[in-house]
Amino acid sequence: MRRVTQWRRWVPIAMLAVVVAAGSAGCADAPVAPSSGGSAAPSSGGPGVPTTTAPAPAAVAALDTGYARMMLGHHEQALELSALVAGRSSSPDVADLAFRIDRAQVEEVGQLEGFLRVRGAPTGPPPGMAGMDGMADAATLARLRTLRGPAFDRLWLRTMTAHHEGALTMARDQLAATGGVASTSALAEFSRTLLVAQQAEIDRMRVLLGP
């Protein structure tokens, strides 16, 4: 059974707290408004994203900040995993994939850090990242460091696939919490792009793993 992530536990609590606060506070930290303007109507967020209505701007801003920090921590481990490939993998395909993942996630880390700096938020991940969906545990990381050749490639592909699947869960949750396809989130496009790119990488890793 998939573990309940810290991100999923955090979303409803943060939503409740910030929506209450929004009734008496201003929205100086509100994200960019959608081009259509006004309140978003209930709409489908696409596959895996339930129908919902965009919450108040202050709530969306708070959710975006928490999501950006959690995704930063998630990306940091993806970069750590990618760095393990050189000198251990026997597969040019795995090496190429690891390079592509590294380049993509370095760019995304820059986007997330830029988003947080503009809002004056901390640019590091929050504590407690180990319990998130897809995060490799210390034993798996230690095992990867001892392996070489096909054995390394198989464990690395399984580990990175699970890691990417965790990121997809986080992105779907962020879109659902901020309004689905009607989301006013400044990070909605980031999440949609991540869903497409990392699903393609998952598909590639499954092919490399074979039956």
Foldseek 3Di string as FASTA:
>chain_A
DFFDFPLNVVLVVLLVVQLVVPVPDPQPQFFAFDPVDDWADFDAQPPPAHTDTAGDRRSLSVSLLLLLQLVLVLLVVLLVLLVLCPPAEPDPVSVVLSVVSNVVSVVVLVVSQVSQVVSVHDSHHDPDSCRAWLRDDPVLVVVLNVHHYPVNLLSSLVSVLRSLVRLLVSLSVSLNSRGRPNGRHPCNVVSVVSNVVSVVSSVVSDVVNPD
